[in-house]
PDB file of N, CA and C in Angstrom:
ATOM      1  N   UNK A   1      12.165   9.712  -0.975  1.00  0.00           N
ATOM      2  CA  UNK A   1      11.209   9.189  -0.054  1.00  0.00           C
ATOM      3  C   UNK A   1      11.005   7.688  -0.188  1.00  0.00           C
ATOM      4  N   UNK A   2      10.357   7.256  -1.232  1.00  0.00           N
ATOM      5  CA  UNK A   2      10.070   5.852  -1.436  1.00  0.00           C
ATOM      6  C   UNK A   2       8.960   5.331  -0.531  1.00  0.00           C
ATOM      7  N   UNK A   3       8.758   4.026  -0.576  1.00  0.00           N
ATOM      8  CA  UNK A   3       7.651   3.407   0.136  1.00  0.00           C
ATOM      9  C   UNK A   3       7.815   3.508   1.653  1.00  0.00           C
ATOM     10  N   UNK A   4       9.050   3.564   2.139  1.00  0.00           N
ATOM     11  CA  UNK A   4       9.241   3.698   3.588  1.00  0.00           C
ATOM     12  C   UNK A   4       8.635   5.012   4.065  1.00  0.00           C
ATOM     13  N   UNK A   5       8.890   6.076   3.323  1.00  0.00           N
ATOM     14  CA  UNK A   5       8.332   7.393   3.664  1.00  0.00           C
ATOM     15  C   UNK A   5       6.805   7.364   3.546  1.00  0.00           C
ATOM     16  N   UNK A   6       6.300   6.752   2.487  1.00  0.00           N
ATOM     17  CA  UNK A   6       4.851   6.629   2.299  1.00  0.00           C
ATOM     18  C   UNK A   6       4.230   5.869   3.466  1.00  0.00           C
ATOM     19  N   UNK A   7       4.868   4.765   3.876  1.00  0.00           N
ATOM     20  CA  UNK A   7       4.355   3.966   4.995  1.00  0.00           C
ATOM     21  C   UNK A   7       4.344   4.783   6.283  1.00  0.00           C
ATOM     22  N   UNK A   8       5.381   5.574   6.528  1.00  0.00           N
ATOM     23  CA  UNK A   8       5.415   6.430   7.723  1.00  0.00           C
ATOM     24  C   UNK A   8       4.264   7.431   7.722  1.00  0.00           C
ATOM     25  N   UNK A   9       4.061   8.061   6.593  1.00  0.00           N
ATOM     26  CA  UNK A   9       2.961   9.035   6.473  1.00  0.00           C
ATOM     27  C   UNK A   9       1.621   8.336   6.650  1.00  0.00           C
ATOM     28  N   UNK A  10       1.477   7.164   6.034  1.00  0.00           N
ATOM     29  CA  UNK A  10       0.231   6.403   6.118  1.00  0.00           C
ATOM     30  C   UNK A  10      -0.075   6.016   7.562  1.00  0.00           C
ATOM     31  N   UNK A  11       0.915   5.526   8.287  1.00  0.00           N
ATOM     32  CA  UNK A  11       0.733   5.137   9.687  1.00  0.00           C
ATOM     33  C   UNK A  11       0.301   6.343  10.515  1.00  0.00           C
ATOM     34  N   UNK A  12       0.949   7.486  10.300  1.00  0.00           N
ATOM     35  CA  UNK A  12       0.572   8.698  11.036  1.00  0.00           C
ATOM     36  C   UNK A  12      -0.845   9.142  10.680  1.00  0.00           C
ATOM     37  N   UNK A  13      -1.219   9.005   9.412  1.00  0.00           N
ATOM     38  CA  UNK A  13      -2.579   9.339   8.993  1.00  0.00           C
ATOM     39  C   UNK A  13      -3.592   8.441   9.701  1.00  0.00           C
ATOM     40  N   UNK A  14      -3.289   7.146   9.788  1.00  0.00           N
ATOM     41  CA  UNK A  14      -4.199   6.208  10.442  1.00  0.00           C
ATOM     42  C   UNK A  14      -4.387   6.539  11.924  1.00  0.00           C
ATOM     43  N   UNK A  15      -3.394   7.159  12.536  1.00  0.00           N
ATOM     44  CA  UNK A  15      -3.468   7.528  13.946  1.00  0.00           C
ATOM     45  C   UNK A  15      -4.109   8.900  14.164  1.00  0.00           C
ATOM     46  N   UNK A  16      -4.290   9.656  13.098  1.00  0.00           N
ATOM     47  CA  UNK A  16      -4.741  11.040  13.254  1.00  0.00           C
ATOM     48  C   UNK A  16      -6.258  11.133  13.392  1.00  0.00           C
ATOM     49  N   UNK A  17      -6.698  12.256  13.896  1.00  0.00           N
ATOM     50  CA  UNK A  17      -8.136  12.526  14.015  1.00  0.00           C
ATOM     51  C   UNK A  17      -8.764  12.777  12.652  1.00  0.00           C
ATOM     52  N   UNK A  18      -7.948  12.970  11.625  1.00  0.00           N
ATOM     53  CA  UNK A  18      -8.435  13.236  10.273  1.00  0.00           C
ATOM     54  C   UNK A  18      -8.608  11.970   9.440  1.00  0.00           C
ATOM     55  N   UNK A  19      -8.315  10.829  10.023  1.00  0.00           N
ATOM     56  CA  UNK A  19      -8.398   9.555   9.303  1.00  0.00           C
ATOM     57  C   UNK A  19      -9.804   9.358   8.729  1.00  0.00           C
ATOM     58  N   UNK A  20      -9.851   9.093   7.422  1.00  0.00           N
ATOM     59  CA  UNK A  20     -11.109   8.795   6.754  1.00  0.00           C
ATOM     60  C   UNK A  20     -10.783   7.876   5.579  1.00  0.00           C
ATOM     61  N   UNK A  21     -10.874   6.583   5.810  1.00  0.00           N
ATOM     62  CA  UNK A  21     -10.480   5.591   4.817  1.00  0.00           C
ATOM     63  C   UNK A  21     -11.363   5.679   3.568  1.00  0.00           C
ATOM     64  N   UNK A  22     -12.642   5.977   3.743  1.00  0.00           N
ATOM     65  CA  UNK A  22     -13.536   6.086   2.580  1.00  0.00           C
ATOM     66  C   UNK A  22     -13.085   7.204   1.644  1.00  0.00           C
ATOM     67  N   UNK A  23     -12.725   8.340   2.202  1.00  0.00           N
ATOM     68  CA  UNK A  23     -12.247   9.461   1.384  1.00  0.00           C
ATOM     69  C   UNK A  23     -10.917   9.101   0.732  1.00  0.00           C
ATOM     70  N   UNK A  24     -10.024   8.488   1.472  1.00  0.00           N
ATOM     71  CA  UNK A  24      -8.739   8.065   0.920  1.00  0.00           C
ATOM     72  C   UNK A  24      -8.946   7.124  -0.265  1.00  0.00           C
ATOM     73  N   UNK A  25      -9.854   6.163  -0.114  1.00  0.00           N
ATOM     74  CA  UNK A  25     -10.155   5.216  -1.185  1.00  0.00           C
ATOM     75  C   UNK A  25     -10.727   5.955  -2.401  1.00  0.00           C
ATOM     76  N   UNK A  26     -11.613   6.903  -2.178  1.00  0.00           N
ATOM     77  CA  UNK A  26     -12.189   7.669  -3.292  1.00  0.00           C
ATOM     78  C   UNK A  26     -11.104   8.433  -4.048  1.00  0.00           C
ATOM     79  N   UNK A  27     -10.153   9.030  -3.327  1.00  0.00           N
ATOM     80  CA  UNK A  27      -9.034   9.706  -3.983  1.00  0.00           C
ATOM     81  C   UNK A  27      -8.207   8.716  -4.799  1.00  0.00           C
ATOM     82  N   UNK A  28      -7.978   7.541  -4.258  1.00  0.00           N
ATOM     83  CA  UNK A  28      -7.217   6.521  -4.980  1.00  0.00           C
ATOM     84  C   UNK A  28      -7.946   6.125  -6.263  1.00  0.00           C
ATOM     85  N   UNK A  29      -9.254   5.966  -6.190  1.00  0.00           N
ATOM     86  CA  UNK A  29     -10.036   5.622  -7.382  1.00  0.00           C
ATOM     87  C   UNK A  29      -9.978   6.731  -8.431  1.00  0.00           C
ATOM     88  N   UNK A  30      -9.998   7.976  -7.992  1.00  0.00           N
ATOM     89  CA  UNK A  30      -9.942   9.105  -8.917  1.00  0.00           C
ATOM     90  C   UNK A  30      -8.656   9.131  -9.731  1.00  0.00           C
ATOM     91  N   UNK A  31      -7.596   8.562  -9.182  1.00  0.00           N
ATOM     92  CA  UNK A  31      -6.308   8.516  -9.890  1.00  0.00           C
ATOM     93  C   UNK A  31      -6.389   7.634 -11.131  1.00  0.00           C
ATOM     94  N   UNK A  32      -7.442   6.809 -11.208  1.00  0.00           N
ATOM     95  CA  UNK A  32      -7.619   5.881 -12.334  1.00  0.00           C
ATOM     96  C   UNK A  32      -6.366   5.048 -12.555  1.00  0.00           C
ATOM     97  N   UNK A  33      -5.789   4.605 -11.454  1.00  0.00           N
ATOM     98  CA  UNK A  33      -4.565   3.823 -11.507  1.00  0.00           C
ATOM     99  C   UNK A  33      -4.715   2.577 -10.649  1.00  0.00           C
ATOM    100  N   UNK A  34      -4.739   1.426 -11.297  1.00  0.00           N
ATOM    101  CA  UNK A  34      -4.808   0.179 -10.553  1.00  0.00           C
ATOM    102  C   UNK A  34      -3.594  -0.045  -9.683  1.00  0.00           C
ATOM    103  N   UNK A  35      -2.471   0.562 -10.056  1.00  0.00           N
ATOM    104  CA  UNK A  35      -1.245   0.427  -9.263  1.00  0.00           C
ATOM    105  C   UNK A  35      -1.416   1.123  -7.913  1.00  0.00           C
ATOM    106  N   UNK A  36      -2.047   2.282  -7.914  1.00  0.00           N
ATOM    107  CA  UNK A  36      -2.311   2.993  -6.663  1.00  0.00           C
ATOM    108  C   UNK A  36      -3.177   2.126  -5.756  1.00  0.00           C
ATOM    109  N   UNK A  37      -4.183   1.475  -6.322  1.00  0.00           N
ATOM    110  CA  UNK A  37      -5.063   0.614  -5.535  1.00  0.00           C
ATOM    111  C   UNK A  37      -4.324  -0.612  -5.000  1.00  0.00           C
ATOM    112  N   UNK A  38      -3.383  -1.151  -5.778  1.00  0.00           N
ATOM    113  CA  UNK A  38      -2.561  -2.272  -5.293  1.00  0.00           C
ATOM    114  C   UNK A  38      -1.773  -1.850  -4.054  1.00  0.00           C
ATOM    115  N   UNK A  39      -1.137  -0.712  -4.157  1.00  0.00           N
ATOM    116  CA  UNK A  39      -0.296  -0.239  -3.055  1.00  0.00           C
ATOM    117  C   UNK A  39      -1.139   0.147  -1.850  1.00  0.00           C
ATOM    118  N   UNK A  40      -2.285   0.789  -2.075  1.00  0.00           N
ATOM    119  CA  UNK A  40      -3.174   1.140  -0.971  1.00  0.00           C
ATOM    120  C   UNK A  40      -3.701  -0.127  -0.292  1.00  0.00           C
ATOM    121  N   UNK A  41      -4.144  -1.086  -1.075  1.00  0.00           N
ATOM    122  CA  UNK A  41      -4.636  -2.342  -0.504  1.00  0.00           C
ATOM    123  C   UNK A  41      -3.576  -3.055   0.310  1.00  0.00           C
ATOM    124  N   UNK A  42      -2.365  -3.088  -0.211  1.00  0.00           N
ATOM    125  CA  UNK A  42      -1.247  -3.710   0.502  1.00  0.00           C
ATOM    126  C   UNK A  42      -1.022  -3.026   1.842  1.00  0.00           C
ATOM    127  N   UNK A  43      -0.979  -1.697   1.847  1.00  0.00           N
ATOM    128  CA  UNK A  43      -0.737  -0.959   3.086  1.00  0.00           C
ATOM    129  C   UNK A  43      -1.904  -1.103   4.062  1.00  0.00           C
ATOM    130  N   UNK A  44      -3.130  -1.090   3.555  1.00  0.00           N
ATOM    131  CA  UNK A  44      -4.279  -1.297   4.441  1.00  0.00           C
ATOM    132  C   UNK A  44      -4.238  -2.686   5.058  1.00  0.00           C
ATOM    133  N   UNK A  45      -3.909  -3.677   4.263  1.00  0.00           N
ATOM    134  CA  UNK A  45      -3.832  -5.043   4.774  1.00  0.00           C
ATOM    135  C   UNK A  45      -2.764  -5.163   5.853  1.00  0.00           C
ATOM    136  N   UNK A  46      -1.706  -4.419   5.701  1.00  0.00           N
ATOM    137  CA  UNK A  46      -0.598  -4.477   6.661  1.00  0.00           C
ATOM    138  C   UNK A  46      -0.888  -3.675   7.934  1.00  0.00           C
ATOM    139  N   UNK A  47      -1.482  -2.490   7.786  1.00  0.00           N
ATOM    140  CA  UNK A  47      -1.596  -1.580   8.926  1.00  0.00           C
ATOM    141  C   UNK A  47      -3.024  -1.322   9.416  1.00  0.00           C
ATOM    142  N   UNK A  48      -4.025  -1.699   8.654  1.00  0.00           N
ATOM    143  CA  UNK A  48      -5.407  -1.411   9.046  1.00  0.00           C
ATOM    144  C   UNK A  48      -6.315  -2.553   8.573  1.00  0.00           C
ATOM    145  N   UNK A  49      -5.999  -3.742   9.064  1.00  0.00           N
ATOM    146  CA  UNK A  49      -6.663  -4.972   8.610  1.00  0.00           C
ATOM    147  C   UNK A  49      -8.177  -4.960   8.789  1.00  0.00           C
ATOM    148  N   UNK A  50      -8.680  -4.141   9.682  1.00  0.00           N
ATOM    149  CA  UNK A  50     -10.120  -4.095   9.940  1.00  0.00           C
ATOM    150  C   UNK A  50     -10.897  -3.470   8.783  1.00  0.00           C
ATOM    151  N   UNK A  51     -10.221  -2.883   7.827  1.00  0.00           N
ATOM    152  CA  UNK A  51     -10.882  -2.251   6.672  1.00  0.00           C
ATOM    153  C   UNK A  51     -11.164  -3.286   5.581  1.00  0.00           C
ATOM    154  N   UNK A  52     -11.908  -4.341   5.949  1.00  0.00           N
ATOM    155  CA  UNK A  52     -12.166  -5.456   5.033  1.00  0.00           C
ATOM    156  C   UNK A  52     -12.786  -4.999   3.715  1.00  0.00           C
ATOM    157  N   UNK A  53     -13.802  -4.152   3.809  1.00  0.00           N
ATOM    158  CA  UNK A  53     -14.503  -3.705   2.611  1.00  0.00           C
ATOM    159  C   UNK A  53     -13.611  -2.943   1.657  1.00  0.00           C
ATOM    160  N   UNK A  54     -12.845  -2.008   2.184  1.00  0.00           N
ATOM    161  CA  UNK A  54     -11.957  -1.212   1.340  1.00  0.00           C
ATOM    162  C   UNK A  54     -10.866  -2.077   0.740  1.00  0.00           C
ATOM    163  N   UNK A  55     -10.320  -2.990   1.516  1.00  0.00           N
ATOM    164  CA  UNK A  55      -9.299  -3.910   0.999  1.00  0.00           C
ATOM    165  C   UNK A  55      -9.891  -4.743  -0.139  1.00  0.00           C
ATOM    166  N   UNK A  56     -11.105  -5.237   0.041  1.00  0.00           N
ATOM    167  CA  UNK A  56     -11.760  -6.038  -0.995  1.00  0.00           C
ATOM    168  C   UNK A  56     -11.975  -5.209  -2.266  1.00  0.00           C
ATOM    169  N   UNK A  57     -12.414  -3.949  -2.119  1.00  0.00           N
ATOM    170  CA  UNK A  57     -12.611  -3.100  -3.293  1.00  0.00           C
ATOM    171  C   UNK A  57     -11.286  -2.803  -3.988  1.00  0.00           C
ATOM    172  N   UNK A  58     -10.215  -2.625  -3.228  1.00  0.00           N
ATOM    173  CA  UNK A  58      -8.895  -2.428  -3.843  1.00  0.00           C
ATOM    174  C   UNK A  58      -8.538  -3.634  -4.698  1.00  0.00           C
ATOM    175  N   UNK A  59      -8.792  -4.838  -4.182  1.00  0.00           N
ATOM    176  CA  UNK A  59      -8.485  -6.058  -4.942  1.00  0.00           C
ATOM    177  C   UNK A  59      -9.322  -6.147  -6.208  1.00  0.00           C
ATOM    178  N   UNK A  60     -10.589  -5.784  -6.113  1.00  0.00           N
ATOM    179  CA  UNK A  60     -11.477  -5.861  -7.271  1.00  0.00           C
ATOM    180  C   UNK A  60     -11.064  -4.868  -8.360  1.00  0.00           C
ATOM    181  N   UNK A  61     -10.690  -3.663  -7.960  1.00  0.00           N
ATOM    182  CA  UNK A  61     -10.425  -2.585  -8.917  1.00  0.00           C
ATOM    183  C   UNK A  61      -8.965  -2.460  -9.335  1.00  0.00           C
ATOM    184  N   UNK A  62      -8.062  -3.184  -8.680  1.00  0.00           N
ATOM    185  CA  UNK A  62      -6.639  -3.043  -9.016  1.00  0.00           C
ATOM    186  C   UNK A  62      -6.363  -3.569 -10.420  1.00  0.00           C
ATOM    187  N   UNK A  63      -5.276  -3.134 -10.969  1.00  0.00           N
ATOM    188  CA  UNK A  63      -4.888  -3.557 -12.308  1.00  0.00           C
ATOM    189  C   UNK A  63      -4.350  -4.980 -12.285  1.00  0.00           C
ATOM    190  N   UNK A  64      -4.318  -5.579 -13.462  1.00  0.00           N
ATOM    191  CA  UNK A  64      -3.704  -6.898 -13.581  1.00  0.00           C
ATOM    192  C   UNK A  64      -2.206  -6.715 -13.780  1.00  0.00           C
ATOM    193  N   UNK A  65      -1.480  -7.795 -13.767  1.00  0.00           N
ATOM    194  CA  UNK A  65      -0.039  -7.710 -13.942  1.00  0.00           C
ATOM    195  C   UNK A  65       0.659  -7.442 -12.624  1.00  0.00           C
ATOM    196  N   UNK A  66       1.956  -7.253 -12.710  1.00  0.00           N
ATOM    197  CA  UNK A  66       2.763  -7.034 -11.513  1.00  0.00           C
ATOM    198  C   UNK A  66       3.596  -5.762 -11.648  1.00  0.00           C
ATOM    199  N   UNK A  67       3.824  -5.127 -10.507  1.00  0.00           N
ATOM    200  CA  UNK A  67       4.651  -3.920 -10.429  1.00  0.00           C
ATOM    201  C   UNK A  67       5.454  -3.980  -9.137  1.00  0.00           C
ATOM    202  N   UNK A  68       6.445  -3.151  -9.048  1.00  0.00           N
ATOM    203  CA  UNK A  68       7.207  -3.042  -7.808  1.00  0.00           C
ATOM    204  C   UNK A  68       6.443  -2.181  -6.811  1.00  0.00           C
ATOM    205  N   UNK A  69       6.496  -2.577  -5.561  1.00  0.00           N
ATOM    206  CA  UNK A  69       5.933  -1.747  -4.496  1.00  0.00           C
ATOM    207  C   UNK A  69       6.594  -0.377  -4.521  1.00  0.00           C
ATOM    208  N   UNK A  70       7.906  -0.383  -4.688  1.00  0.00           N
ATOM    209  CA  UNK A  70       8.686   0.848  -4.782  1.00  0.00           C
ATOM    210  C   UNK A  70       9.653   0.680  -5.950  1.00  0.00           C
ATOM    211  N   UNK A  71       9.492   1.455  -7.018  1.00  0.00           N
ATOM    212  CA  UNK A  71      10.353   1.298  -8.194  1.00  0.00           C
ATOM    213  C   UNK A  71      11.842   1.465  -7.907  1.00  0.00           C
ATOM    214  N   UNK A  72      12.193   2.110  -6.799  1.00  0.00           N
ATOM    215  CA  UNK A  72      13.601   2.352  -6.478  1.00  0.00           C
ATOM    216  C   UNK A  72      14.266   1.189  -5.750  1.00  0.00           C
ATOM    217  N   UNK A  73      13.474   0.210  -5.305  1.00  0.00           N
ATOM    218  CA  UNK A  73      14.027  -0.898  -4.517  1.00  0.00           C
ATOM    219  C   UNK A  73      14.244  -2.141  -5.365  1.00  0.00           C
ATOM    220  N   UNK A  74      15.263  -2.900  -4.992  1.00  0.00           N
ATOM    221  CA  UNK A  74      15.393  -4.233  -5.563  1.00  0.00           C
ATOM    222  C   UNK A  74      14.247  -5.064  -5.003  1.00  0.00           C
ATOM    223  N   UNK A  75      13.572  -5.782  -5.866  1.00  0.00           N
ATOM    224  CA  UNK A  75      12.404  -6.542  -5.428  1.00  0.00           C
ATOM    225  C   UNK A  75      12.540  -7.973  -5.913  1.00  0.00           C
ATOM    226  N   UNK A  76      12.604  -8.914  -4.973  1.00  0.00           N
ATOM    227  CA  UNK A  76      12.826 -10.308  -5.339  1.00  0.00           C
ATOM    228  C   UNK A  76      11.760 -11.256  -4.791  1.00  0.00           C
ATOM    229  N   UNK A  77      10.682 -10.696  -4.247  1.00  0.00           N
ATOM    230  CA  UNK A  77       9.599 -11.505  -3.686  1.00  0.00           C
ATOM    231  C   UNK A  77       8.281 -10.965  -4.237  1.00  0.00           C
ATOM    232  N   UNK A  78       7.467 -11.860  -4.799  1.00  0.00           N
ATOM    233  CA  UNK A  78       6.181 -11.444  -5.353  1.00  0.00           C
ATOM    234  C   UNK A  78       5.061 -11.756  -4.371  1.00  0.00           C
ATOM    235  N   UNK A  79       4.297 -10.737  -4.019  1.00  0.00           N
ATOM    236  CA  UNK A  79       3.078 -10.930  -3.233  1.00  0.00           C
ATOM    237  C   UNK A  79       1.961 -11.049  -4.258  1.00  0.00           C
ATOM    238  N   UNK A  80       1.585 -12.285  -4.546  1.00  0.00           N
ATOM    239  CA  UNK A  80       0.686 -12.543  -5.673  1.00  0.00           C
ATOM    240  C   UNK A  80      -0.695 -11.938  -5.487  1.00  0.00           C
ATOM    241  N   UNK A  81      -1.217 -11.905  -4.267  1.00  0.00           N
ATOM    242  CA  UNK A  81      -2.572 -11.371  -4.085  1.00  0.00           C
ATOM    243  C   UNK A  81      -2.661  -9.891  -4.430  1.00  0.00           C
ATOM    244  N   UNK A  82      -1.527  -9.197  -4.401  1.00  0.00           N
ATOM    245  CA  UNK A  82      -1.505  -7.783  -4.778  1.00  0.00           C
ATOM    246  C   UNK A  82      -0.753  -7.529  -6.082  1.00  0.00           C
ATOM    247  N   UNK A  83      -0.089  -8.513  -6.606  1.00  0.00           N
ATOM    248  CA  UNK A  83       0.689  -8.300  -7.822  1.00  0.00           C
ATOM    249  C   UNK A  83       1.818  -7.320  -7.602  1.00  0.00           C
ATOM    250  N   UNK A  84       2.402  -7.386  -6.413  1.00  0.00           N
ATOM    251  CA  UNK A  84       3.482  -6.460  -6.050  1.00  0.00           C
ATOM    252  C   UNK A  84       4.782  -7.202  -5.803  1.00  0.00           C
ATOM    253  N   UNK A  85       5.832  -6.722  -6.447  1.00  0.00           N
ATOM    254  CA  UNK A  85       7.182  -7.188  -6.157  1.00  0.00           C
ATOM    255  C   UNK A  85       7.722  -6.351  -5.010  1.00  0.00           C
ATOM    256  N   UNK A  86       8.230  -7.020  -3.995  1.00  0.00           N
ATOM    257  CA  UNK A  86       8.762  -6.353  -2.810  1.00  0.00           C
ATOM    258  C   UNK A  86      10.133  -6.917  -2.489  1.00  0.00           C
ATOM    259  N   UNK A  87      10.920  -6.183  -1.707  1.00  0.00           N
ATOM    260  CA  UNK A  87      12.163  -6.759  -1.221  1.00  0.00           C
ATOM    261  C   UNK A  87      11.864  -7.972  -0.343  1.00  0.00           C
ATOM    262  N   UNK A  88      12.719  -8.960  -0.372  1.00  0.00           N
ATOM    263  CA  UNK A  88      12.523 -10.166   0.431  1.00  0.00           C
ATOM    264  C   UNK A  88      12.333  -9.823   1.903  1.00  0.00           C
ATOM    265  N   UNK A  89      13.032  -8.817   2.383  1.00  0.00           N
ATOM    266  CA  UNK A  89      12.960  -8.410   3.788  1.00  0.00           C
ATOM    267  C   UNK A  89      12.048  -7.194   3.974  1.00  0.00           C
ATOM    268  N   UNK A  90      10.912  -7.170   3.293  1.00  0.00           N
ATOM    269  CA  UNK A  90      10.019  -6.009   3.321  1.00  0.00           C
ATOM    270  C   UNK A  90       9.595  -5.639   4.741  1.00  0.00           C
ATOM    271  N   UNK A  91       9.374  -6.620   5.586  1.00  0.00           N
ATOM    272  CA  UNK A  91       8.952  -6.322   6.961  1.00  0.00           C
ATOM    273  C   UNK A  91      10.000  -5.498   7.695  1.00  0.00           C
ATOM    274  N   UNK A  92      11.251  -5.906   7.602  1.00  0.00           N
ATOM    275  CA  UNK A  92      12.297  -5.146   8.290  1.00  0.00           C
ATOM    276  C   UNK A  92      12.518  -3.803   7.613  1.00  0.00           C
ATOM    277  N   UNK A  93      12.360  -3.767   6.303  1.00  0.00           N
ATOM    278  CA  UNK A  93      12.542  -2.502   5.579  1.00  0.00           C
ATOM    279  C   UNK A  93      11.502  -1.475   6.021  1.00  0.00           C
ATOM    280  N   UNK A  94      10.243  -1.882   6.101  1.00  0.00           N
ATOM    281  CA  UNK A  94       9.183  -0.941   6.475  1.00  0.00           C
ATOM    282  C   UNK A  94       9.250  -0.533   7.941  1.00  0.00           C
ATOM    283  N   UNK A  95       9.814  -1.387   8.785  1.00  0.00           N
ATOM    284  CA  UNK A  95       9.876  -1.053  10.213  1.00  0.00           C
ATOM    285  C   UNK A  95      11.140  -0.286  10.611  1.00  0.00           C
ATOM    286  N   UNK A  96      12.082  -0.150   9.685  1.00  0.00           N
ATOM    287  CA  UNK A  96      13.318   0.599   9.961  1.00  0.00           C
ATOM    288  C   UNK A  96      13.030   2.059  10.250  1.00  0.00           C
ATOM    289  N   UNK A  97      13.765   2.614  11.139  1.00  0.00           N
ATOM    290  CA  UNK A  97      13.676   4.057  11.413  1.00  0.00           C
ATOM    291  C   UNK A  97      14.565   4.792  10.426  1.00  0.00           C
ATOM    292  N   UNK A  98      14.061   5.882   9.898  1.00  0.00           N
ATOM    293  CA  UNK A  98      14.865   6.696   8.980  1.00  0.00           C
ATOM    294  C   UNK A  98      15.840   7.560   9.777  1.00  0.00           C
ATOM    295  N   UNK A  99      16.995   7.764   9.203  1.00  0.00           N
ATOM    296  CA  UNK A  99      18.014   8.592   9.867  1.00  0.00           C
ATOM    297  C   UNK A  99      17.704  10.062   9.691  1.00  0.00           C
TER     298      UNK A  99
END
C-alpha cells in the first residue's frame, strides 16, 4: 500500500458522510505516536487545509526528529515543518492513479 494508498483512503474519508476529523485526531493521539501525528498533520494540510485547529494540535504534539513519510520510498526532500522526508516529486506521486 504505502502512503499513496493511505492518501487515497484519506481523500475518500474526507468526502464521506462519516468524516469526523475530531474523532480521527483522537484516534491518532491514542496511538501515542508523534510520527502518526506528523503524517496526519501533513495530510490534513494538503487535503483539508480548513482544519486549522487540528493541524496546529498535530504540530504541537508531534515527535521531534525526522522520519520518512513512507518508509518504502526514496526520500530526498525534507519538509521541515513536519519533520518528514518525502520524495522530491511528492505531489506527482500522491496524485498518480494506481494501476
